[in-house]
């Protein structure tokens, strides 16, 4: 996509570049002057926030088998797998409704206030989840979990990107996003263990998953109350003028010296403007005013690279969403035939291990390849993703179709490791292809879209596909094991009897041995669509620096890219303490 007609207008004048560059040095000096809230500590705070967010998702994924047969939720008949899929993914309804509101409030309230509001809402919703009775009440409560997440999802990663050292940018983003698989995996493991082993006469074990997770998140809320205002991604443009008037220069710390060649001081205003105009579909110029939601959405929707990256990420979440919800049930009810605790511990451990290593490996690999900044960075990240998806697809299908647990474990680990390795490169590329004043919107919209086309519909779709393969087994839900499995020896349906558990307050039911396996194999094949999705930005950006002139333009683009990131969006918003 060519640059818009607006892109020929100057993005940065000489005075703005100088002021922003000076203020960036001042900001880094301020970060280092804090006794506690230095960038690594703030990163750790956001990492814990992301961890507990996805721990909750993991708990729900494995607790759902207990919830769907809990009489206090399901009544006299077990909740169908389709309805159970809605229960897992309904949080996205709250996210979709609330995210535009919170993104728009960025021009009115400080990011710190919005994040704290979201965290409090999240904690309250999780606590109520643990005490709620009735399917519809639980469904509404889980939607409010999404409302809380919507408040902080778009701001935290933007703040991480702002404070990350340039040479470690992809790694820091990778560390933040590593908590998605790690939190989900540990939540899945704990959800399975607590659902099976923490039952009391009055409280089902699955309820402890949600009651206990509120406690550590409360400490995160308390710490956020003391976050210095300098970390807000919403800044007063007058601050840049103050810093420039004070004569603050680049090189305020060692990091500035190391990366001086990439700072805007090395580029003239004309070079910065030309570089920004050469982004090939990168956004319209940054203005001094807050960008309203409709304008931001229009600019993002017309950015081909951004749209393709988000669609590719959506297929990734589509597959992982279905796997995280139904894999434990598939392993216990399907040909593998393992116990629920074994399945939960394996899936949790394998996901945590591959998720952590994969997310970090992806970030480190791209940084070693030259980093994720500029058009070359987008090209490297996208091509890297294409290669990994090509490995993941066959490995995942082999894992799902084999009845041998050892073979399943090996290929499953390879498949999910390669999937998690694309997390940091994808999000780095998303942040690179949009201007600074659209980054919060870009992250919020990408999360919304990747959930809307990814892990929101996938558990429901997988559940519906699974129900289609049931072959009439569910009609024997209230029968005994002999009646349920009678067809296995007479050429009838391959039904299996799943015992209830009085301690966990679950009822027995009858299901088809292969229904979830077949459903997940079909869903996993969808990840192949990510190859053309990531291939488009790789192809488009590879063409843009093929000549010496293009390479020089790309270097200028990299210099210009550091202005919005390091200056913390000086020109776009008004600071509200």
Protein backbone atom coordinates (compact mmCIF):
# COMPACT_ATOMS: atom_id res chain seq x y z
CA UNK A 1 0.00 0.00 0.00
CA UNK A 2 1.39 3.34 -0.94
CA UNK A 3 1.77 6.20 1.42
CA UNK A 4 -1.30 8.24 1.95
CA UNK A 5 -1.65 11.71 0.58
CA UNK A 6 -1.07 13.00 4.09
CA UNK A 7 2.25 11.21 4.34
CA UNK A 8 3.97 13.80 2.21
CA UNK A 9 3.36 16.37 4.94
CA UNK A 10 6.19 16.85 7.43
CA UNK A 11 6.03 14.51 10.38
CA UNK A 12 8.79 16.18 12.33
CA UNK A 13 10.24 19.64 12.10
CA UNK A 14 13.78 20.37 13.30
CA UNK A 15 12.63 21.97 16.52
CA UNK A 16 10.37 19.04 17.42
CA UNK A 17 13.07 16.47 16.68
CA UNK A 18 15.57 18.29 18.87
CA UNK A 19 13.09 18.71 21.71
CA UNK A 20 11.89 15.13 21.57
CA UNK A 21 15.42 13.77 21.44
CA UNK A 22 16.50 15.86 24.40
CA UNK A 23 13.45 14.88 26.39
CA UNK A 24 14.10 11.19 25.65
CA UNK A 25 17.48 11.51 27.35
CA UNK A 26 15.87 13.29 30.27
CA UNK A 27 13.28 10.52 30.59
CA UNK A 28 15.91 7.78 30.72
CA UNK A 29 17.81 9.76 33.35
CA UNK A 30 14.60 10.02 35.38
CA UNK A 31 13.97 6.28 35.06
CA UNK A 32 17.40 5.51 36.47
CA UNK A 33 16.95 8.00 39.32
CA UNK A 34 14.02 6.10 40.82
CA UNK A 35 14.99 4.03 43.85
CA UNK A 36 12.49 1.23 43.20
CA UNK A 37 10.60 1.87 39.98
CA UNK A 38 13.45 1.45 37.54
CA UNK A 39 12.54 0.01 34.11
CA UNK A 40 13.43 -3.63 35.00
CA UNK A 41 11.21 -3.44 38.08
CA UNK A 42 8.33 -1.92 36.11
CA UNK A 43 8.79 -4.62 33.47
CA UNK A 44 8.58 -7.25 36.23
CA UNK A 45 5.39 -5.60 37.51
CA UNK A 46 3.77 -5.76 34.08
CA UNK A 47 5.01 -9.32 33.60
CA UNK A 48 3.26 -10.39 36.81
CA UNK A 49 0.11 -8.57 35.69
CA UNK A 50 0.14 -10.48 32.42
CA UNK A 51 0.92 -13.75 34.20
CA UNK A 52 -2.13 -13.65 36.48
CA UNK A 53 -4.37 -12.51 33.64
CA UNK A 54 -3.54 -15.64 31.67
CA UNK A 55 -3.36 -17.84 34.75
CA UNK A 56 -7.08 -17.12 35.07
CA UNK A 57 -7.60 -18.22 31.45
CA UNK A 58 -5.72 -21.44 32.10
CA UNK A 59 -7.72 -22.19 35.23
CA UNK A 60 -10.98 -21.79 33.32
CA UNK A 61 -9.70 -24.00 30.50
CA UNK A 62 -9.13 -27.03 32.72
CA UNK A 63 -11.81 -26.31 35.32
CA UNK A 64 -14.47 -26.23 32.61
CA UNK A 65 -14.88 -30.02 32.65
CA UNK A 66 -15.75 -29.82 36.36
CA UNK A 67 -17.88 -26.70 35.92
CA UNK A 68 -19.99 -28.18 33.12
CA UNK A 69 -21.01 -31.10 35.34
CA UNK A 70 -21.31 -29.17 38.63
CA UNK A 71 -25.02 -29.20 39.62
CA UNK A 72 -24.70 -25.72 41.14
CA UNK A 73 -23.91 -24.44 37.62
CA UNK A 74 -25.38 -26.99 35.23
CA UNK A 75 -28.48 -28.10 37.10
CA UNK A 76 -29.71 -31.62 36.38
CA UNK A 77 -28.05 -31.98 32.95
CA UNK A 78 -24.36 -31.37 32.09
CA UNK A 79 -23.60 -28.21 30.16
CA UNK A 80 -23.04 -29.04 26.48
CA UNK A 81 -19.56 -28.63 25.03
CA UNK A 82 -20.82 -25.82 22.82
CA UNK A 83 -22.18 -23.87 25.83
CA UNK A 84 -19.00 -24.66 27.75
CA UNK A 85 -17.05 -23.07 24.91
CA UNK A 86 -19.13 -19.90 25.32
CA UNK A 87 -18.40 -19.91 29.04
CA UNK A 88 -14.67 -20.00 28.37
CA UNK A 89 -14.66 -17.33 25.67
CA UNK A 90 -17.37 -14.92 26.89
CA UNK A 91 -14.72 -12.71 28.51
CA UNK A 92 -14.14 -11.37 25.01
CA UNK A 93 -17.63 -9.88 24.91
CA UNK A 94 -16.67 -7.66 27.82
CA UNK A 95 -13.34 -6.90 26.18
CA UNK A 96 -14.96 -5.91 22.88
CA UNK A 97 -17.47 -3.61 24.56
CA UNK A 98 -15.00 -1.94 26.93
CA UNK A 99 -11.81 -1.66 24.88
CA UNK A 100 -12.93 1.28 22.68
CA UNK A 101 -14.01 3.15 25.81
CA UNK A 102 -10.71 2.68 27.61
CA UNK A 103 -8.65 3.41 24.49
CA UNK A 104 -10.59 6.64 24.03
CA UNK A 105 -10.10 7.60 27.67
CA UNK A 106 -6.37 7.79 26.98
CA UNK A 107 -6.88 11.40 25.99
CA UNK A 108 -8.72 12.22 29.22
CA UNK A 109 -7.21 10.10 32.00
CA UNK A 110 -3.70 8.92 32.72
CA UNK A 111 -2.78 5.39 31.69
CA UNK A 112 -1.96 4.65 35.33
CA UNK A 113 -5.52 5.46 36.44
CA UNK A 114 -7.04 3.39 33.64
CA UNK A 115 -4.82 0.40 34.43
CA UNK A 116 -5.70 0.50 38.14
CA UNK A 117 -9.41 0.72 37.31
CA UNK A 118 -9.09 -2.33 35.09
CA UNK A 119 -7.18 -4.34 37.66
CA UNK A 120 -9.77 -3.65 40.37
CA UNK A 121 -12.56 -4.72 38.00
CA UNK A 122 -10.65 -7.88 37.09
CA UNK A 123 -10.08 -8.84 40.75
CA UNK A 124 -13.73 -8.30 41.65
CA UNK A 125 -14.94 -10.38 38.67
CA UNK A 126 -12.57 -13.27 39.47
CA UNK A 127 -13.68 -13.32 43.10
CA UNK A 128 -17.35 -13.39 42.11
CA UNK A 129 -16.55 -16.24 39.66
CA UNK A 130 -15.44 -18.31 42.63
CA UNK A 131 -18.71 -17.86 44.52
CA UNK A 132 -21.28 -17.65 41.70
CA UNK A 133 -24.05 -20.23 41.27
CA UNK A 134 -26.00 -20.69 38.04
CA UNK A 135 -24.83 -20.80 34.43
CA UNK A 136 -26.09 -17.37 33.35
CA UNK A 137 -24.69 -15.61 36.41
CA UNK A 138 -21.31 -17.20 35.80
CA UNK A 139 -21.48 -16.25 32.12
CA UNK A 140 -22.06 -12.57 32.97
CA UNK A 141 -19.34 -12.58 35.60
CA UNK A 142 -16.79 -13.95 33.18
CA UNK A 143 -17.69 -11.19 30.71
CA UNK A 144 -16.62 -8.64 33.34
CA UNK A 145 -13.21 -10.31 33.49
CA UNK A 146 -12.80 -9.13 29.91
CA UNK A 147 -13.88 -5.62 30.87
CA UNK A 148 -11.07 -5.43 33.40
CA UNK A 149 -8.50 -6.76 30.95
CA UNK A 150 -9.59 -4.24 28.30
CA UNK A 151 -8.51 -1.39 30.56
CA UNK A 152 -4.84 -2.37 30.81
CA UNK A 153 -4.13 -4.61 27.81
CA UNK A 154 -3.33 -1.83 25.33
CA UNK A 155 -1.33 0.41 27.65
CA UNK A 156 1.05 -2.03 29.33
CA UNK A 157 2.83 -3.33 26.22
CA UNK A 158 3.11 0.23 24.88
CA UNK A 159 4.82 1.26 28.12
CA UNK A 160 7.14 -1.75 27.89
CA UNK A 161 8.09 -0.75 24.35
CA UNK A 162 8.68 2.84 25.46
CA UNK A 163 11.14 1.98 28.23
CA UNK A 164 12.93 -0.96 26.56
CA UNK A 165 16.60 -0.45 25.57
CA UNK A 166 16.72 -0.30 21.75
CA UNK A 167 19.05 -3.28 21.40
CA UNK A 168 16.81 -5.40 23.66
CA UNK A 169 13.46 -4.23 22.37
CA UNK A 170 12.21 -7.55 20.96
CA UNK A 171 13.50 -9.48 24.00
CA UNK A 172 11.67 -7.22 26.47
CA UNK A 173 8.47 -7.57 24.47
CA UNK A 174 9.11 -11.32 24.38
CA UNK A 175 9.50 -11.47 28.17
CA UNK A 176 6.20 -9.65 28.58
CA UNK A 177 4.36 -11.92 26.16
CA UNK A 178 6.03 -15.06 27.52
CA UNK A 179 3.58 -14.82 30.40
CA UNK A 180 0.73 -15.69 28.04
CA UNK A 181 1.79 -19.34 27.67
CA UNK A 182 3.43 -19.55 31.08
CA UNK A 183 0.44 -18.11 32.93
CA UNK A 184 -1.99 -20.17 30.88
CA UNK A 185 0.01 -23.35 31.40
CA UNK A 186 0.43 -22.98 35.15
CA UNK A 187 -3.23 -22.00 35.41
CA UNK A 188 -4.19 -25.11 33.47
CA UNK A 189 -2.09 -27.29 35.76
CA UNK A 190 -3.44 -25.71 38.94
CA UNK A 191 -6.98 -25.74 37.57
CA UNK A 192 -6.76 -29.48 36.98
CA UNK A 193 -5.19 -30.21 40.36
CA UNK A 194 -7.52 -27.98 42.38
CA UNK A 195 -10.60 -29.22 40.50
CA UNK A 196 -9.69 -32.80 41.37
CA UNK A 197 -8.03 -32.55 44.78
CA UNK A 198 -9.26 -29.43 46.59
CA UNK A 199 -12.93 -30.27 46.99
CA UNK A 200 -14.66 -29.75 50.33
CA UNK A 201 -18.21 -30.66 51.33
CA UNK A 202 -19.36 -27.09 50.70
CA UNK A 203 -16.97 -25.71 48.06
CA UNK A 204 -16.07 -27.38 44.76
CA UNK A 205 -12.36 -27.52 44.03
CA UNK A 206 -12.59 -25.47 40.82
CA UNK A 207 -13.82 -22.46 42.79
CA UNK A 208 -10.51 -22.20 44.66
CA UNK A 209 -8.75 -21.50 41.35
CA UNK A 210 -10.49 -18.14 41.04
CA UNK A 211 -10.67 -17.20 44.71
CA UNK A 212 -6.92 -17.61 45.27
CA UNK A 213 -5.71 -15.77 42.16
CA UNK A 214 -7.17 -12.50 43.42
CA UNK A 215 -4.66 -12.29 46.30
CA UNK A 216 -1.41 -11.92 44.27
CA UNK A 217 -3.07 -9.56 41.78
CA UNK A 218 -4.07 -7.32 44.69
CA UNK A 219 -0.36 -6.74 45.39
CA UNK A 220 0.12 -5.73 41.75
CA UNK A 221 -2.72 -3.22 42.14
CA UNK A 222 -1.09 -1.78 45.24
CA UNK A 223 2.28 -1.39 43.48
CA UNK A 224 0.65 0.30 40.49
CA UNK A 225 -0.69 3.02 42.80
CA UNK A 226 2.90 4.19 43.33
CA UNK A 227 4.04 4.04 39.70
CA UNK A 228 5.79 7.34 38.85
CA UNK A 229 3.91 9.53 36.40
CA UNK A 230 6.93 9.55 34.07
CA UNK A 231 5.97 6.07 32.89
CA UNK A 232 2.62 7.19 31.56
CA UNK A 233 2.66 6.95 27.75
CA UNK A 234 0.64 10.18 27.76
CA UNK A 235 2.88 13.18 27.93
CA UNK A 236 2.72 16.94 27.93
CA UNK A 237 4.40 18.44 24.86
CA UNK A 238 5.56 21.35 27.00
CA UNK A 239 7.84 18.94 28.84
CA UNK A 240 9.94 18.51 25.72
CA UNK A 241 10.37 22.26 25.43
CA UNK A 242 11.41 22.44 29.08
CA UNK A 243 13.99 19.71 28.57
CA UNK A 244 15.35 21.36 25.45
CA UNK A 245 15.57 24.74 27.20
CA UNK A 246 17.49 23.13 30.06
CA UNK A 247 20.16 22.03 27.56
CA UNK A 248 19.81 18.32 28.18
CA UNK A 249 21.70 16.48 25.48
CA UNK A 250 21.86 12.94 24.26
CA UNK A 251 24.38 10.74 26.01
CA UNK A 252 22.82 11.25 29.43
CA UNK A 253 23.61 7.63 30.04
CA UNK A 254 25.65 4.86 28.46
CA UNK A 255 22.69 3.60 26.49
CA UNK A 256 22.40 6.91 24.63
CA UNK A 257 26.08 6.77 23.66
CA UNK A 258 25.80 3.19 22.47
CA UNK A 259 22.87 3.97 20.20
CA UNK A 260 23.74 7.52 19.23
CA UNK A 261 24.06 6.56 15.60
CA UNK A 262 20.37 5.68 15.57
CA UNK A 263 19.09 8.83 17.28
CA UNK A 264 17.24 11.55 15.48
CA UNK A 265 20.14 13.95 15.99
CA UNK A 266 21.92 12.03 13.23
CA UNK A 267 19.11 12.76 10.79
CA UNK A 268 17.98 16.10 9.54
CA UNK A 269 14.33 17.04 9.68
CA UNK A 270 14.10 16.44 5.93
CA UNK A 271 15.53 12.93 6.30
CA UNK A 272 13.11 12.08 9.08
CA UNK A 273 10.18 13.31 7.06
CA UNK A 274 11.31 11.43 3.93
CA UNK A 275 11.87 8.26 5.94
CA UNK A 276 8.44 8.43 7.52
CA UNK A 277 6.87 9.03 4.10
CA UNK A 278 8.64 5.94 2.74
CA UNK A 279 6.95 3.51 5.12
CA UNK A 280 4.71 2.25 2.35
CA UNK A 281 1.43 2.17 4.09
CA UNK A 282 2.59 3.40 7.39
CA UNK A 283 0.22 5.75 8.91
CA UNK A 284 -0.66 9.32 8.45
CA UNK A 285 1.46 11.89 10.26
CA UNK A 286 1.43 12.18 13.99
CA UNK A 287 -0.37 15.29 15.18
CA UNK A 288 -0.31 17.26 18.37
CA UNK A 289 -3.86 16.29 19.26
CA UNK A 290 -5.30 13.09 20.63
CA UNK A 291 -6.46 10.84 17.77
CA UNK A 292 -10.16 9.94 18.07
CA UNK A 293 -11.14 6.30 17.83
CA UNK A 294 -12.84 6.42 14.38
CA UNK A 295 -9.79 8.13 12.82
CA UNK A 296 -7.41 5.67 14.46
CA UNK A 297 -9.43 2.65 13.32
CA UNK A 298 -9.58 4.00 9.76
CA UNK A 299 -5.81 4.46 9.63
CA UNK A 300 -5.16 1.01 11.05
CA UNK A 301 -7.69 -0.64 8.72
CA UNK A 302 -5.95 0.84 5.67
CA UNK A 303 -2.49 -0.30 6.79
CA UNK A 304 -2.00 -3.57 4.88
CA UNK A 305 1.00 -4.69 6.90
CA UNK A 306 -0.84 -4.15 10.18
CA UNK A 307 -3.97 -5.98 9.01
CA UNK A 308 -1.99 -8.99 7.75
CA UNK A 309 0.08 -9.23 10.93
CA UNK A 310 -3.06 -9.18 13.07
CA UNK A 311 -4.80 -11.79 10.90
CA UNK A 312 -1.75 -14.04 11.13
CA UNK A 313 -1.72 -13.60 14.88
CA UNK A 314 -5.44 -14.37 14.93
CA UNK A 315 -4.92 -17.81 13.39
CA UNK A 316 -2.28 -18.48 16.04
CA UNK A 317 -4.69 -17.62 18.86
CA UNK A 318 -7.49 -19.53 17.10
CA UNK A 319 -5.50 -22.74 17.38
CA UNK A 320 -4.08 -22.18 20.87
CA UNK A 321 -7.49 -21.14 22.20
CA UNK A 322 -9.08 -24.43 21.19
CA UNK A 323 -6.08 -26.47 22.35
CA UNK A 324 -6.00 -24.81 25.78
CA UNK A 325 -9.72 -25.47 26.37
CA UNK A 326 -10.16 -28.97 24.97
CA UNK A 327 -6.73 -30.66 25.08
CA UNK A 328 -7.12 -32.02 28.63
CA UNK A 329 -10.52 -33.49 27.81
CA UNK A 330 -9.13 -34.93 24.56
CA UNK A 331 -6.25 -36.59 26.43
CA UNK A 332 -8.51 -38.11 29.08
CA UNK A 333 -11.51 -39.08 26.94
CA UNK A 334 -9.71 -39.88 23.68
CA UNK A 335 -7.31 -42.59 22.48
CA UNK A 336 -4.49 -41.43 24.78
CA UNK A 337 -6.61 -42.33 27.83
CA UNK A 338 -4.55 -40.62 30.54
CA UNK A 339 -5.90 -39.40 33.88
CA UNK A 340 -7.06 -35.82 34.32
CA UNK A 341 -4.23 -34.95 36.71
CA UNK A 342 -1.64 -36.45 34.34
CA UNK A 343 -3.12 -34.58 31.37
CA UNK A 344 -3.28 -31.28 33.29
CA UNK A 345 0.27 -31.55 34.60
CA UNK A 346 1.70 -32.54 31.21
CA UNK A 347 -0.17 -29.89 29.28
CA UNK A 348 0.61 -27.24 31.89
CA UNK A 349 4.28 -28.17 32.15
CA UNK A 350 4.80 -28.55 28.40
CA UNK A 351 3.04 -25.28 27.65
CA UNK A 352 4.92 -23.37 30.35
CA UNK A 353 8.28 -24.80 29.23
CA UNK A 354 7.80 -24.30 25.52
CA UNK A 355 5.97 -21.01 25.99
CA UNK A 356 8.70 -19.43 28.08
CA UNK A 357 11.59 -20.73 25.99
CA UNK A 358 9.78 -20.16 22.70
CA UNK A 359 8.79 -16.57 23.47
CA UNK A 360 12.29 -15.68 24.66
CA UNK A 361 13.96 -17.57 21.81
CA UNK A 362 11.88 -15.69 19.25
CA UNK A 363 12.82 -12.33 20.76
CA UNK A 364 16.51 -13.18 21.08
CA UNK A 365 16.68 -14.61 17.55
CA UNK A 366 15.21 -11.48 15.95
CA UNK A 367 17.45 -9.18 18.02
CA UNK A 368 20.48 -11.24 16.94
CA UNK A 369 19.30 -10.93 13.32
CA UNK A 370 19.57 -7.16 13.62
CA UNK A 371 16.51 -6.19 15.61
CA UNK A 372 12.88 -5.46 14.84
CA UNK A 373 13.03 -1.73 14.12
CA UNK A 374 12.20 -0.30 10.71
CA UNK A 375 11.12 -1.99 7.50
CA UNK A 376 13.96 -4.49 7.67
CA UNK A 377 12.74 -5.44 11.13
CA UNK A 378 9.21 -6.03 9.83
CA UNK A 379 10.62 -8.15 7.00
CA UNK A 380 12.77 -10.24 9.35
CA UNK A 381 9.96 -10.77 11.86
CA UNK A 382 7.45 -11.77 9.19
CA UNK A 383 9.80 -14.15 7.37
CA UNK A 384 10.83 -15.68 10.69
CA UNK A 385 7.16 -16.37 11.45
CA UNK A 386 6.52 -18.01 8.07
CA UNK A 387 9.34 -20.50 8.63
CA UNK A 388 8.16 -21.44 12.12
CA UNK A 389 4.53 -21.93 11.10
CA UNK A 390 5.67 -24.26 8.30
CA UNK A 391 7.31 -26.45 10.96
CA UNK A 392 4.44 -26.29 13.45
CA UNK A 393 1.59 -27.45 11.20
CA UNK A 394 2.77 -31.01 10.40
CA UNK A 395 4.12 -31.56 13.92
CA UNK A 396 0.82 -30.56 15.49
CA UNK A 397 -1.23 -32.82 13.23
CA UNK A 398 1.05 -35.81 13.91
CA UNK A 399 0.72 -35.21 17.67
CA UNK A 400 -3.08 -35.06 17.56
CA UNK A 401 -3.55 -38.15 15.41
CA UNK A 402 -1.23 -40.57 17.23
CA UNK A 403 -2.56 -42.87 20.00
CA UNK A 404 0.95 -43.20 21.48
CA UNK A 405 1.49 -40.79 24.38
CA UNK A 406 5.30 -40.60 23.99
CA UNK A 407 4.99 -39.71 20.30
CA UNK A 408 2.24 -37.24 21.12
CA UNK A 409 4.43 -35.55 23.73
CA UNK A 410 7.43 -35.10 21.40
CA UNK A 411 5.53 -33.64 18.45
CA UNK A 412 3.24 -31.56 20.65
CA UNK A 413 6.23 -29.89 22.31
CA UNK A 414 7.83 -29.10 18.93
CA UNK A 415 4.56 -27.73 17.56
CA UNK A 416 3.79 -25.38 20.45
CA UNK A 417 7.42 -24.25 20.83
CA UNK A 418 7.48 -23.02 17.25
CA UNK A 419 4.10 -21.34 17.71
CA UNK A 420 5.16 -19.47 20.84
CA UNK A 421 8.38 -18.33 19.16
CA UNK A 422 6.39 -16.02 16.85
CA UNK A 423 4.86 -14.03 19.75
CA UNK A 424 7.58 -11.41 20.25
CA UNK A 425 8.40 -10.90 16.54
CA UNK A 426 4.71 -10.47 15.68
CA UNK A 427 4.03 -7.89 18.38
CA UNK A 428 7.28 -6.05 17.64
CA UNK A 429 6.27 -5.82 13.99
CA UNK A 430 2.81 -4.57 14.92
CA UNK A 431 4.35 -1.78 17.01
CA UNK A 432 6.76 -0.94 14.19
CA UNK A 433 4.29 -0.53 11.33
CA UNK A 434 2.19 2.13 13.11
CA UNK A 435 3.14 5.61 14.37
CA UNK A 436 3.51 6.43 18.04
CA UNK A 437 0.15 8.12 18.45
CA UNK A 438 -1.61 4.98 17.21
CA UNK A 439 0.32 2.38 19.18
CA UNK A 440 -2.10 2.06 22.09
CA UNK A 441 -4.95 1.79 19.58
CA UNK A 442 -2.93 -0.69 17.52
CA UNK A 443 -2.34 -3.00 20.48
CA UNK A 444 -5.93 -2.70 21.70
CA UNK A 445 -7.33 -3.37 18.22
CA UNK A 446 -4.91 -6.24 17.60
CA UNK A 447 -5.91 -7.90 20.87
CA UNK A 448 -9.58 -7.36 20.05
CA UNK A 449 -9.25 -8.74 16.52
CA UNK A 450 -7.01 -11.66 17.38
CA UNK A 451 -9.49 -12.72 20.06
CA UNK A 452 -12.50 -12.00 17.85
CA UNK A 453 -11.17 -14.25 15.06
CA UNK A 454 -9.04 -16.42 17.34
CA UNK A 455 -9.58 -17.83 20.81
CA UNK A 456 -13.14 -16.52 21.24
CA UNK A 457 -14.76 -18.50 18.43
CA UNK A 458 -12.31 -21.42 18.40
CA UNK A 459 -13.45 -23.17 21.64
CA UNK A 460 -17.06 -22.82 20.50
CA UNK A 461 -16.26 -23.99 16.96
CA UNK A 462 -14.16 -26.87 18.26
CA UNK A 463 -16.95 -27.79 20.67
CA UNK A 464 -19.53 -27.70 17.88
CA UNK A 465 -17.32 -29.83 15.59
CA UNK A 466 -16.78 -32.23 18.47
CA UNK A 467 -20.52 -32.50 19.09
CA UNK A 468 -20.96 -33.30 15.38
CA UNK A 469 -18.61 -36.29 15.81
CA UNK A 470 -20.48 -37.50 18.93
CA UNK A 471 -22.34 -40.15 16.90
CA UNK A 472 -25.22 -40.32 19.37
CA UNK A 473 -23.12 -41.15 22.43
CA UNK A 474 -24.55 -38.30 24.51
CA UNK A 475 -27.99 -39.98 24.60
CA UNK A 476 -26.48 -42.36 27.17
CA UNK A 477 -25.31 -39.59 29.56
CA UNK A 478 -27.44 -40.94 32.41
CA UNK A 479 -26.80 -44.62 31.62
CA UNK A 480 -24.17 -46.85 33.15
CA UNK A 481 -20.79 -47.80 31.69
CA UNK A 482 -22.06 -51.04 30.13
CA UNK A 483 -24.86 -49.35 28.19
CA UNK A 484 -22.67 -46.40 27.13
CA UNK A 485 -19.87 -48.57 25.74
CA UNK A 486 -22.01 -51.36 24.28
CA UNK A 487 -21.42 -50.23 20.70
CA UNK A 488 -17.63 -50.68 20.96
CA UNK A 489 -17.97 -54.45 20.64
CA UNK A 490 -20.89 -54.52 18.17
CA UNK A 491 -19.63 -52.17 15.48
CA UNK A 492 -21.55 -49.23 16.90
CA UNK A 493 -20.23 -45.83 17.99
CA UNK A 494 -16.95 -45.75 19.92
CA UNK A 495 -18.46 -44.29 23.08
CA UNK A 496 -16.57 -44.01 26.35
CA UNK A 497 -18.05 -43.58 29.82
CA UNK A 498 -16.65 -40.68 31.84
CA UNK A 499 -17.22 -41.29 35.53
CA UNK A 500 -18.60 -38.60 37.79
CA UNK A 501 -16.95 -37.64 41.06
CA UNK A 502 -19.00 -37.05 44.17
CA UNK A 503 -16.16 -35.13 45.81
CA UNK A 504 -15.86 -32.71 42.88
CA UNK A 505 -19.68 -32.58 42.51
CA UNK A 506 -19.59 -33.81 38.91
CA UNK A 507 -22.01 -36.16 37.15
CA UNK A 508 -21.04 -38.97 34.71
CA UNK A 509 -21.56 -38.63 30.98
CA UNK A 510 -21.06 -40.58 27.74
CA UNK A 511 -18.91 -39.24 24.88
CA UNK A 512 -17.27 -40.44 21.67
CA UNK A 513 -13.62 -41.43 22.00
CA UNK A 514 -12.56 -39.66 18.80
CA UNK A 515 -14.79 -36.60 18.71
CA UNK A 516 -12.41 -34.14 20.37
CA UNK A 517 -9.36 -35.52 18.61
CA UNK A 518 -10.98 -35.04 15.21
CA UNK A 519 -12.23 -31.57 16.11
CA UNK A 520 -8.83 -30.36 17.30
CA UNK A 521 -7.07 -31.75 14.23
CA UNK A 522 -9.41 -29.75 11.99
CA UNK A 523 -8.91 -26.62 14.08
CA UNK A 524 -5.11 -27.01 14.17
CA UNK A 525 -4.94 -27.09 10.38
CA UNK A 526 -6.23 -23.50 10.35
CA UNK A 527 -2.79 -22.25 11.47
CA UNK A 528 -1.58 -22.88 7.91
CA UNK A 529 -3.46 -19.71 6.93
CA UNK A 530 -0.88 -17.72 8.91
CA UNK A 531 1.75 -18.47 6.25
CA UNK A 532 0.23 -16.20 3.57
CA UNK A 533 -0.84 -13.70 6.25
CA UNK A 534 2.74 -13.22 7.46
CA UNK A 535 4.09 -13.69 3.95
CA UNK A 536 2.43 -10.49 2.71
CA UNK A 537 4.33 -8.05 4.99
CA UNK A 538 7.53 -10.05 4.43
CA UNK A 539 7.19 -9.70 0.65
CA UNK A 540 6.07 -6.06 0.76
CA UNK A 541 8.87 -4.90 3.03
CA UNK A 542 11.58 -6.97 1.34
CA UNK A 543 10.96 -5.00 -1.86
CA UNK A 544 11.40 -1.69 -0.08
CA UNK A 545 15.10 -1.89 0.67
CA UNK A 546 16.53 -3.78 -2.26
CA UNK A 547 18.69 -0.93 -3.60
CA UNK A 548 21.36 1.21 -1.99
CA UNK A 549 19.00 4.15 -2.08
CA UNK A 550 16.31 2.07 -0.39
CA UNK A 551 18.78 0.89 2.25
CA UNK A 552 19.66 4.50 3.06
CA UNK A 553 15.98 5.34 3.28
CA UNK A 554 15.54 2.41 5.66
CA UNK A 555 18.34 3.67 7.91
CA UNK A 556 16.59 7.01 8.07
CA UNK A 557 13.36 5.22 8.88
CA UNK A 558 15.07 3.45 11.79
CA UNK A 559 16.31 6.77 13.10
CA UNK A 560 12.85 8.28 12.82
CA UNK A 561 11.31 5.22 14.47
CA UNK A 562 13.21 5.97 17.66
CA UNK A 563 11.60 9.38 18.03
CA UNK A 564 8.11 8.20 18.89
CA UNK A 565 9.38 5.27 20.97
CA UNK A 566 11.94 7.07 23.11
CA UNK A 567 10.11 10.34 23.44
CA UNK A 568 7.10 8.65 24.95
CA UNK A 569 4.60 10.27 22.61
CA UNK A 570 5.44 13.81 23.61
CA UNK A 571 3.43 15.42 20.88
CA UNK A 572 0.23 13.45 20.92
CA UNK A 573 -1.40 13.65 24.28
CA UNK A 574 -1.89 15.83 27.34
CA UNK A 575 -0.53 14.47 30.59
CA UNK A 576 -3.03 13.88 33.36
CA UNK A 577 -1.56 13.01 36.70
